[in-house]
Amino acid sequence: MRTPAADIGELRTILVVGEYGSAEDQPVSVGIVGNLLSKDRQLNFIGATATVIALEEGPTIRWSEIVPESQ
């Protein structure tokens, strides 16, 4: 079972690694097709999709939040 990272502020991070085409035939999107629950099991990310960033463009931030110092 895949689970999000447990570091503070990383409760919604998952790294998806695999064979997703080639440099000549890159994927355009990726989707969650099975159950992927949040750590507290309140959210199921099944059906979520994201646009794939081309390798030559490098990484970007998809979502960010301010985490209170108390956490």
N, C-alpha and C. Protein backbone atom coordinates (compact mmCIF):
# COMPACT_ATOMS: atom_id res chain seq x y z
N MET A 1 0.83 -1.18 0.00
CA MET A 1 0.00 0.00 0.00
C MET A 1 0.88 1.24 0.00
N ARG A 2 0.61 2.16 -0.88
CA ARG A 2 1.33 3.44 -0.92
C ARG A 2 0.72 4.38 0.11
N THR A 3 1.55 5.14 0.78
CA THR A 3 1.05 6.14 1.72
C THR A 3 1.85 7.42 1.55
N PRO A 4 1.25 8.56 1.87
CA PRO A 4 1.99 9.82 1.77
C PRO A 4 3.17 9.86 2.72
N ALA A 5 4.12 10.77 2.44
CA ALA A 5 5.27 10.97 3.31
C ALA A 5 4.79 11.39 4.70
N ALA A 6 5.53 11.06 5.74
CA ALA A 6 5.12 11.35 7.11
C ALA A 6 5.78 12.59 7.70
N ASP A 7 6.67 13.25 6.94
CA ASP A 7 7.30 14.46 7.46
C ASP A 7 6.27 15.57 7.63
N ILE A 8 6.53 16.48 8.58
CA ILE A 8 5.64 17.62 8.78
C ILE A 8 5.54 18.40 7.48
N GLY A 9 4.33 18.73 7.08
CA GLY A 9 4.12 19.46 5.84
C GLY A 9 4.15 18.59 4.60
N GLU A 10 4.40 17.31 4.73
CA GLU A 10 4.49 16.41 3.58
C GLU A 10 3.39 15.35 3.60
N LEU A 11 2.31 15.61 4.28
CA LEU A 11 1.28 14.60 4.43
C LEU A 11 0.51 14.33 3.14
N ARG A 12 0.78 15.09 2.11
CA ARG A 12 0.08 14.88 0.84
C ARG A 12 1.03 14.64 -0.31
N THR A 13 2.21 14.17 -0.01
CA THR A 13 3.22 13.97 -1.06
C THR A 13 3.36 12.49 -1.38
N ILE A 14 3.36 12.17 -2.66
CA ILE A 14 3.66 10.81 -3.09
C ILE A 14 4.51 10.90 -4.36
N LEU A 15 5.48 10.05 -4.44
CA LEU A 15 6.34 9.98 -5.63
C LEU A 15 5.89 8.76 -6.43
N VAL A 16 5.54 8.99 -7.67
CA VAL A 16 5.11 7.92 -8.55
C VAL A 16 6.24 7.68 -9.55
N VAL A 17 6.79 6.46 -9.54
CA VAL A 17 7.93 6.13 -10.39
C VAL A 17 7.56 4.95 -11.27
N GLY A 18 7.94 4.99 -12.51
CA GLY A 18 7.66 3.87 -13.39
C GLY A 18 8.05 4.18 -14.82
N GLU A 19 7.71 3.28 -15.72
CA GLU A 19 7.95 3.46 -17.15
C GLU A 19 6.73 4.16 -17.74
N TYR A 20 6.89 5.41 -18.13
CA TYR A 20 5.76 6.20 -18.63
C TYR A 20 6.03 6.73 -20.03
N GLY A 21 6.52 5.93 -20.90
CA GLY A 21 6.82 6.37 -22.24
C GLY A 21 8.30 6.62 -22.42
N SER A 22 8.62 7.45 -23.40
CA SER A 22 10.02 7.76 -23.71
C SER A 22 10.14 9.26 -23.96
N ALA A 23 11.37 9.72 -24.19
CA ALA A 23 11.59 11.14 -24.48
C ALA A 23 10.86 11.54 -25.77
N GLU A 24 10.71 10.60 -26.69
CA GLU A 24 10.03 10.87 -27.95
C GLU A 24 8.51 10.72 -27.84
N ASP A 25 8.05 9.97 -26.85
CA ASP A 25 6.61 9.71 -26.68
C ASP A 25 6.26 9.86 -25.20
N GLN A 26 6.31 11.09 -24.70
CA GLN A 26 6.10 11.35 -23.27
C GLN A 26 4.61 11.34 -22.93
N PRO A 27 4.27 10.92 -21.72
CA PRO A 27 2.87 10.95 -21.28
C PRO A 27 2.43 12.40 -21.08
N VAL A 28 1.12 12.62 -21.13
CA VAL A 28 0.59 13.97 -20.91
C VAL A 28 -0.14 14.10 -19.59
N SER A 29 -0.58 12.97 -19.01
CA SER A 29 -1.25 13.02 -17.71
C SER A 29 -1.07 11.70 -16.98
N VAL A 30 -1.30 11.75 -15.69
CA VAL A 30 -1.26 10.55 -14.85
C VAL A 30 -2.48 10.62 -13.94
N GLY A 31 -3.06 9.45 -13.64
CA GLY A 31 -4.25 9.42 -12.81
C GLY A 31 -4.19 8.32 -11.78
N ILE A 32 -4.88 8.52 -10.68
CA ILE A 32 -4.99 7.52 -9.61
C ILE A 32 -6.19 6.64 -9.95
N VAL A 33 -5.95 5.34 -10.18
CA VAL A 33 -7.02 4.44 -10.60
C VAL A 33 -7.46 3.48 -9.50
N GLY A 34 -6.73 3.46 -8.38
CA GLY A 34 -7.10 2.63 -7.24
C GLY A 34 -7.19 3.47 -5.99
N ASN A 35 -7.56 2.86 -4.90
CA ASN A 35 -7.69 3.59 -3.64
C ASN A 35 -6.34 4.11 -3.16
N LEU A 36 -6.26 5.39 -2.89
CA LEU A 36 -5.08 6.03 -2.31
C LEU A 36 -5.60 6.96 -1.23
N LEU A 37 -5.51 6.50 0.02
CA LEU A 37 -6.10 7.22 1.14
C LEU A 37 -5.11 8.16 1.80
N SER A 38 -5.64 9.28 2.32
CA SER A 38 -4.81 10.17 3.13
C SER A 38 -4.44 9.45 4.41
N LYS A 39 -3.42 9.96 5.09
CA LYS A 39 -2.92 9.29 6.30
C LYS A 39 -4.02 9.11 7.34
N ASP A 40 -4.91 10.10 7.46
CA ASP A 40 -6.00 9.99 8.43
C ASP A 40 -7.21 9.23 7.87
N ARG A 41 -7.08 8.74 6.64
CA ARG A 41 -8.09 7.93 5.96
C ARG A 41 -9.40 8.68 5.71
N GLN A 42 -9.34 10.00 5.73
CA GLN A 42 -10.53 10.81 5.50
C GLN A 42 -10.74 11.13 4.01
N LEU A 43 -9.67 11.10 3.24
CA LEU A 43 -9.75 11.41 1.82
C LEU A 43 -9.27 10.24 0.98
N ASN A 44 -9.96 10.00 -0.11
CA ASN A 44 -9.54 9.00 -1.08
C ASN A 44 -9.25 9.75 -2.38
N PHE A 45 -8.04 9.62 -2.88
CA PHE A 45 -7.62 10.37 -4.06
C PHE A 45 -7.90 9.63 -5.36
N ILE A 46 -8.67 8.55 -5.31
CA ILE A 46 -9.02 7.82 -6.53
C ILE A 46 -9.69 8.79 -7.51
N GLY A 47 -9.28 8.71 -8.76
CA GLY A 47 -9.84 9.58 -9.79
C GLY A 47 -9.08 10.89 -9.97
N ALA A 48 -8.17 11.21 -9.05
CA ALA A 48 -7.38 12.44 -9.19
C ALA A 48 -6.44 12.31 -10.38
N THR A 49 -6.27 13.39 -11.12
CA THR A 49 -5.36 13.39 -12.26
C THR A 49 -4.45 14.62 -12.19
N ALA A 50 -3.33 14.54 -12.85
CA ALA A 50 -2.40 15.66 -12.93
C ALA A 50 -1.72 15.63 -14.29
N THR A 51 -1.43 16.79 -14.80
CA THR A 51 -0.67 16.90 -16.04
C THR A 51 0.78 16.54 -15.77
N VAL A 52 1.37 15.76 -16.65
CA VAL A 52 2.77 15.38 -16.51
C VAL A 52 3.64 16.49 -17.08
N ILE A 53 4.66 16.87 -16.34
CA ILE A 53 5.59 17.91 -16.77
C ILE A 53 6.68 17.25 -17.62
N ALA A 54 6.92 17.79 -18.78
CA ALA A 54 7.95 17.24 -19.66
C ALA A 54 9.30 17.25 -18.96
N LEU A 55 10.08 16.20 -19.16
CA LEU A 55 11.38 16.07 -18.50
C LEU A 55 12.27 17.28 -18.73
N GLU A 56 12.28 17.79 -19.94
CA GLU A 56 13.16 18.92 -20.25
C GLU A 56 12.72 20.23 -19.58
N GLU A 57 11.48 20.30 -19.09
CA GLU A 57 11.00 21.50 -18.39
C GLU A 57 11.37 21.49 -16.91
N GLY A 58 11.71 20.32 -16.37
CA GLY A 58 12.07 20.23 -14.96
C GLY A 58 10.85 20.22 -14.04
N PRO A 59 11.06 20.05 -12.73
CA PRO A 59 9.95 19.94 -11.78
C PRO A 59 9.31 21.29 -11.48
N THR A 60 8.05 21.24 -11.06
CA THR A 60 7.34 22.42 -10.56
C THR A 60 6.56 22.04 -9.31
N ILE A 61 6.13 23.02 -8.56
CA ILE A 61 5.28 22.78 -7.39
C ILE A 61 3.84 22.70 -7.86
N ARG A 62 3.16 21.62 -7.52
CA ARG A 62 1.76 21.42 -7.91
C ARG A 62 0.81 22.01 -6.89
N TRP A 63 1.22 22.04 -5.62
CA TRP A 63 0.37 22.52 -4.55
C TRP A 63 1.26 22.88 -3.39
N SER A 64 0.96 23.95 -2.70
CA SER A 64 1.74 24.29 -1.51
C SER A 64 0.82 24.89 -0.46
N GLU A 65 1.18 24.71 0.80
CA GLU A 65 0.42 25.25 1.92
C GLU A 65 1.39 25.75 2.97
N ILE A 66 0.96 26.72 3.76
CA ILE A 66 1.75 27.17 4.90
C ILE A 66 1.43 26.26 6.07
N VAL A 67 2.46 25.66 6.66
CA VAL A 67 2.29 24.77 7.81
C VAL A 67 2.66 25.55 9.06
N PRO A 68 1.73 25.66 10.02
CA PRO A 68 2.05 26.37 11.26
C PRO A 68 3.26 25.76 11.96
N GLU A 69 4.09 26.60 12.57
CA GLU A 69 5.28 26.11 13.26
C GLU A 69 4.94 25.12 14.36
N SER A 70 3.74 25.20 14.92
CA SER A 70 3.34 24.28 15.99
C SER A 70 3.18 22.86 15.50
N GLN A 71 3.11 22.66 14.20
CA GLN A 71 2.98 21.31 13.64
C GLN A 71 4.34 20.80 13.29
